[in-house]
Structure formats: C-alpha cells, structure tokens
Amino acid sequence: MGKNNADRIAKRQNFEKREEERANRLFKLICFALLLLALLMIVGFALAS
C-alpha cells in the first residue's frame, strides 16, 4: 500500500516537472517570437521612412 502511494507521488512529481519544463520552453519561444517581431517592425519602419 505504501509503495503504491510512493509511486503515485513520484509520477505526479515527474509530471509536474515535465509540465514546468514545457511551460518554460513555451515562454522562451513566445519571448523569442516577440523579439523577432519587434526587430522586424523596427527594420520595416526604418526602411519605410
């Protein structure tokens, strides 16, 4: 009974860790996309004027 509970806790912790890593990766991707968009806008405005 105790082993089953320990396995469940370990699985939950692994799942939470993977979810956190996935969220971190998504956050970095969104930041990179926003920086790229800002850079493209700056270049676009510079070329337009």
PDB file of N, CA and C in Angstrom:
ATOM      1  N   MET A   1       0.829  -1.196   0.000  1.00  0.00           N
ATOM      2  CA  MET A   1       0.000   0.000   0.000  1.00  0.00           C
ATOM      3  C   MET A   1       0.871   1.256   0.000  1.00  0.00           C
ATOM      4  N   GLY A   2       1.921   1.274   0.828  1.00  0.00           N
ATOM      5  CA  GLY A   2       2.796   2.430   0.891  1.00  0.00           C
ATOM      6  C   GLY A   2       3.577   2.628  -0.389  1.00  0.00           C
ATOM      7  N   LYS A   3       3.975   1.506  -1.021  1.00  0.00           N
ATOM      8  CA  LYS A   3       4.752   1.593  -2.262  1.00  0.00           C
ATOM      9  C   LYS A   3       3.905   2.194  -3.384  1.00  0.00           C
ATOM     10  N   ASN A   4       2.639   1.771  -3.431  1.00  0.00           N
ATOM     11  CA  ASN A   4       1.734   2.290  -4.454  1.00  0.00           C
ATOM     12  C   ASN A   4       1.570   3.799  -4.304  1.00  0.00           C
ATOM     13  N   ASN A   5       1.430   4.261  -3.074  1.00  0.00           N
ATOM     14  CA  ASN A   5       1.284   5.689  -2.806  1.00  0.00           C
ATOM     15  C   ASN A   5       2.561   6.443  -3.178  1.00  0.00           C
ATOM     16  N   ALA A   6       3.722   5.846  -2.869  1.00  0.00           N
ATOM     17  CA  ALA A   6       5.004   6.479  -3.210  1.00  0.00           C
ATOM     18  C   ALA A   6       5.168   6.563  -4.723  1.00  0.00           C
ATOM     19  N   ASP A   7       4.747   5.515  -5.434  1.00  0.00           N
ATOM     20  CA  ASP A   7       4.811   5.533  -6.903  1.00  0.00           C
ATOM     21  C   ASP A   7       3.930   6.641  -7.467  1.00  0.00           C
ATOM     22  N   ARG A   8       2.750   6.789  -6.881  1.00  0.00           N
ATOM     23  CA  ARG A   8       1.822   7.811  -7.354  1.00  0.00           C
ATOM     24  C   ARG A   8       2.405   9.212  -7.138  1.00  0.00           C
ATOM     25  N   ILE A   9       3.023   9.420  -5.981  1.00  0.00           N
ATOM     26  CA  ILE A   9       3.640  10.719  -5.683  1.00  0.00           C
ATOM     27  C   ILE A   9       4.801  10.982  -6.637  1.00  0.00           C
ATOM     28  N   ALA A  10       5.623   9.957  -6.902  1.00  0.00           N
ATOM     29  CA  ALA A  10       6.760  10.114  -7.820  1.00  0.00           C
ATOM     30  C   ALA A  10       6.276  10.430  -9.225  1.00  0.00           C
ATOM     31  N   LYS A  11       5.213   9.756  -9.669  1.00  0.00           N
ATOM     32  CA  LYS A  11       4.676  10.020 -11.009  1.00  0.00           C
ATOM     33  C   LYS A  11       4.145  11.445 -11.107  1.00  0.00           C
ATOM     34  N   ARG A  12       3.463  11.886 -10.044  1.00  0.00           N
ATOM     35  CA  ARG A  12       2.924  13.248 -10.045  1.00  0.00           C
ATOM     36  C   ARG A  12       4.053  14.271 -10.095  1.00  0.00           C
ATOM     37  N   GLN A  13       5.122  14.025  -9.327  1.00  0.00           N
ATOM     38  CA  GLN A  13       6.250  14.960  -9.324  1.00  0.00           C
ATOM     39  C   GLN A  13       6.926  14.995 -10.692  1.00  0.00           C
ATOM     40  N   ASN A  14       7.099  13.829 -11.323  1.00  0.00           N
ATOM     41  CA  ASN A  14       7.686  13.793 -12.668  1.00  0.00           C
ATOM     42  C   ASN A  14       6.805  14.531 -13.660  1.00  0.00           C
ATOM     43  N   PHE A  15       5.486  14.334 -13.555  1.00  0.00           N
ATOM     44  CA  PHE A  15       4.552  15.006 -14.454  1.00  0.00           C
ATOM     45  C   PHE A  15       4.629  16.518 -14.267  1.00  0.00           C
ATOM     46  N   GLU A  16       4.661  16.963 -13.006  1.00  0.00           N
ATOM     47  CA  GLU A  16       4.740  18.403 -12.731  1.00  0.00           C
ATOM     48  C   GLU A  16       6.048  18.983 -13.252  1.00  0.00           C
ATOM     49  N   LYS A  17       7.130  18.224 -13.118  1.00  0.00           N
ATOM     50  CA  LYS A  17       8.431  18.692 -13.608  1.00  0.00           C
ATOM     51  C   LYS A  17       8.405  18.833 -15.126  1.00  0.00           C
ATOM     52  N   ARG A  18       7.829  17.833 -15.806  1.00  0.00           N
ATOM     53  CA  ARG A  18       7.739  17.910 -17.267  1.00  0.00           C
ATOM     54  C   ARG A  18       6.845  19.065 -17.709  1.00  0.00           C
ATOM     55  N   GLU A  19       5.734  19.262 -17.006  1.00  0.00           N
ATOM     56  CA  GLU A  19       4.842  20.375 -17.329  1.00  0.00           C
ATOM     57  C   GLU A  19       5.558  21.710 -17.153  1.00  0.00           C
ATOM     58  N   GLU A  20       6.340  21.831 -16.090  1.00  0.00           N
ATOM     59  CA  GLU A  20       7.075  23.070 -15.832  1.00  0.00           C
ATOM     60  C   GLU A  20       8.108  23.318 -16.933  1.00  0.00           C
ATOM     61  N   GLU A  21       8.810  22.262 -17.351  1.00  0.00           N
ATOM     62  CA  GLU A  21       9.797  22.409 -18.425  1.00  0.00           C
ATOM     63  C   GLU A  21       9.116  22.795 -19.734  1.00  0.00           C
ATOM     64  N   ARG A  22       7.955  22.195 -19.999  1.00  0.00           N
ATOM     65  CA  ARG A  22       7.215  22.510 -21.221  1.00  0.00           C
ATOM     66  C   ARG A  22       6.745  23.963 -21.206  1.00  0.00           C
ATOM     67  N   ALA A  23       6.242  24.421 -20.064  1.00  0.00           N
ATOM     68  CA  ALA A  23       5.790  25.806 -19.939  1.00  0.00           C
ATOM     69  C   ALA A  23       6.962  26.771 -20.088  1.00  0.00           C
ATOM     70  N   ASN A  24       8.115  26.398 -19.530  1.00  0.00           N
ATOM     71  CA  ASN A  24       9.312  27.232 -19.636  1.00  0.00           C
ATOM     72  C   ASN A  24       9.749  27.354 -21.093  1.00  0.00           C
ATOM     73  N   ARG A  25       9.723  26.238 -21.810  1.00  0.00           N
ATOM     74  CA  ARG A  25      10.106  26.234 -23.222  1.00  0.00           C
ATOM     75  C   ARG A  25       9.137  27.096 -24.040  1.00  0.00           C
ATOM     76  N   LEU A  26       7.842  26.972 -23.746  1.00  0.00           N
ATOM     77  CA  LEU A  26       6.838  27.763 -24.454  1.00  0.00           C
ATOM     78  C   LEU A  26       7.034  29.252 -24.179  1.00  0.00           C
ATOM     79  N   PHE A  27       7.329  29.603 -22.924  1.00  0.00           N
ATOM     80  CA  PHE A  27       7.559  31.001 -22.563  1.00  0.00           C
ATOM     81  C   PHE A  27       8.759  31.564 -23.320  1.00  0.00           C
ATOM     82  N   LYS A  28       9.842  30.789 -23.397  1.00  0.00           N
ATOM     83  CA  LYS A  28      11.027  31.238 -24.129  1.00  0.00           C
ATOM     84  C   LYS A  28      10.720  31.402 -25.612  1.00  0.00           C
ATOM     85  N   LEU A  29       9.941  30.488 -26.174  1.00  0.00           N
ATOM     86  CA  LEU A  29       9.570  30.570 -27.587  1.00  0.00           C
ATOM     87  C   LEU A  29       8.741  31.825 -27.865  1.00  0.00           C
ATOM     88  N   ILE A  30       7.796  32.122 -26.984  1.00  0.00           N
ATOM     89  CA  ILE A  30       6.965  33.313 -27.159  1.00  0.00           C
ATOM     90  C   ILE A  30       7.811  34.578 -27.044  1.00  0.00           C
ATOM     91  N   CYS A  31       8.724  34.623 -26.082  1.00  0.00           N
ATOM     92  CA  CYS A  31       9.614  35.781 -25.939  1.00  0.00           C
ATOM     93  C   CYS A  31      10.465  35.963 -27.186  1.00  0.00           C
ATOM     94  N   PHE A  32      10.997  34.870 -27.708  1.00  0.00           N
ATOM     95  CA  PHE A  32      11.815  34.939 -28.916  1.00  0.00           C
ATOM     96  C   PHE A  32      10.989  35.449 -30.096  1.00  0.00           C
ATOM     97  N   ALA A  33       9.760  34.957 -30.230  1.00  0.00           N
ATOM     98  CA  ALA A  33       8.894  35.390 -31.326  1.00  0.00           C
ATOM     99  C   ALA A  33       8.573  36.880 -31.202  1.00  0.00           C
ATOM    100  N   LEU A  34       8.326  37.355 -29.987  1.00  0.00           N
ATOM    101  CA  LEU A  34       8.028  38.776 -29.794  1.00  0.00           C
ATOM    102  C   LEU A  34       9.242  39.650 -30.105  1.00  0.00           C
ATOM    103  N   LEU A  35      10.425  39.201 -29.705  1.00  0.00           N
ATOM    104  CA  LEU A  35      11.637  39.954 -30.024  1.00  0.00           C
ATOM    105  C   LEU A  35      11.863  40.004 -31.532  1.00  0.00           C
ATOM    106  N   LEU A  36      11.641  38.882 -32.196  1.00  0.00           N
ATOM    107  CA  LEU A  36      11.796  38.837 -33.647  1.00  0.00           C
ATOM    108  C   LEU A  36      10.793  39.766 -34.327  1.00  0.00           C
ATOM    109  N   LEU A  37       9.562  39.762 -33.851  1.00  0.00           N
ATOM    110  CA  LEU A  37       8.538  40.643 -34.405  1.00  0.00           C
ATOM    111  C   LEU A  37       8.913  42.110 -34.193  1.00  0.00           C
ATOM    112  N   ALA A  38       9.410  42.455 -33.009  1.00  0.00           N
ATOM    113  CA  ALA A  38       9.826  43.829 -32.731  1.00  0.00           C
ATOM    114  C   ALA A  38      10.972  44.237 -33.649  1.00  0.00           C
ATOM    115  N   LEU A  39      11.922  43.337 -33.853  1.00  0.00           N
ATOM    116  CA  LEU A  39      13.046  43.623 -34.740  1.00  0.00           C
ATOM    117  C   LEU A  39      12.570  43.851 -36.173  1.00  0.00           C
ATOM    118  N   LEU A  40      11.655  43.010 -36.628  1.00  0.00           N
ATOM    119  CA  LEU A  40      11.113  43.182 -37.980  1.00  0.00           C
ATOM    120  C   LEU A  40      10.357  44.504 -38.113  1.00  0.00           C
ATOM    121  N   MET A  41       9.629  44.891 -37.065  1.00  0.00           N
ATOM    122  CA  MET A  41       8.910  46.166 -37.109  1.00  0.00           C
ATOM    123  C   MET A  41       9.889  47.335 -37.163  1.00  0.00           C
ATOM    124  N   ILE A  42      10.957  47.280 -36.389  1.00  0.00           N
ATOM    125  CA  ILE A  42      11.961  48.354 -36.394  1.00  0.00           C
ATOM    126  C   ILE A  42      12.591  48.472 -37.775  1.00  0.00           C
ATOM    127  N   VAL A  43      12.967  47.346 -38.357  1.00  0.00           N
ATOM    128  CA  VAL A  43      13.566  47.359 -39.695  1.00  0.00           C
ATOM    129  C   VAL A  43      12.558  47.871 -40.714  1.00  0.00           C
ATOM    130  N   GLY A  44      11.313  47.440 -40.599  1.00  0.00           N
ATOM    131  CA  GLY A  44      10.277  47.894 -41.527  1.00  0.00           C
ATOM    132  C   GLY A  44      10.061  49.394 -41.455  1.00  0.00           C
ATOM    133  N   PHE A  45       9.975  49.937 -40.254  1.00  0.00           N
ATOM    134  CA  PHE A  45       9.793  51.380 -40.113  1.00  0.00           C
ATOM    135  C   PHE A  45      11.021  52.144 -40.601  1.00  0.00           C
ATOM    136  N   ALA A  46      12.197  51.595 -40.376  1.00  0.00           N
ATOM    137  CA  ALA A  46      13.422  52.266 -40.824  1.00  0.00           C
ATOM    138  C   ALA A  46      13.485  52.305 -42.346  1.00  0.00           C
ATOM    139  N   LEU A  47      13.072  51.236 -42.986  1.00  0.00           N
ATOM    140  CA  LEU A  47      13.102  51.198 -44.449  1.00  0.00           C
ATOM    141  C   LEU A  47      11.980  52.030 -45.065  1.00  0.00           C
ATOM    142  N   ALA A  48      10.865  52.162 -44.355  1.00  0.00           N
ATOM    143  CA  ALA A  48       9.723  52.893 -44.894  1.00  0.00           C
ATOM    144  C   ALA A  48       9.961  54.402 -44.881  1.00  0.00           C
ATOM    145  N   SER A  49      10.749  54.886 -43.950  1.00  0.00           N
ATOM    146  CA  SER A  49      10.928  56.343 -43.860  1.00  0.00           C
ATOM    147  C   SER A  49      12.163  56.820 -44.584  1.00  0.00           C
TER     148      SER A  49
END
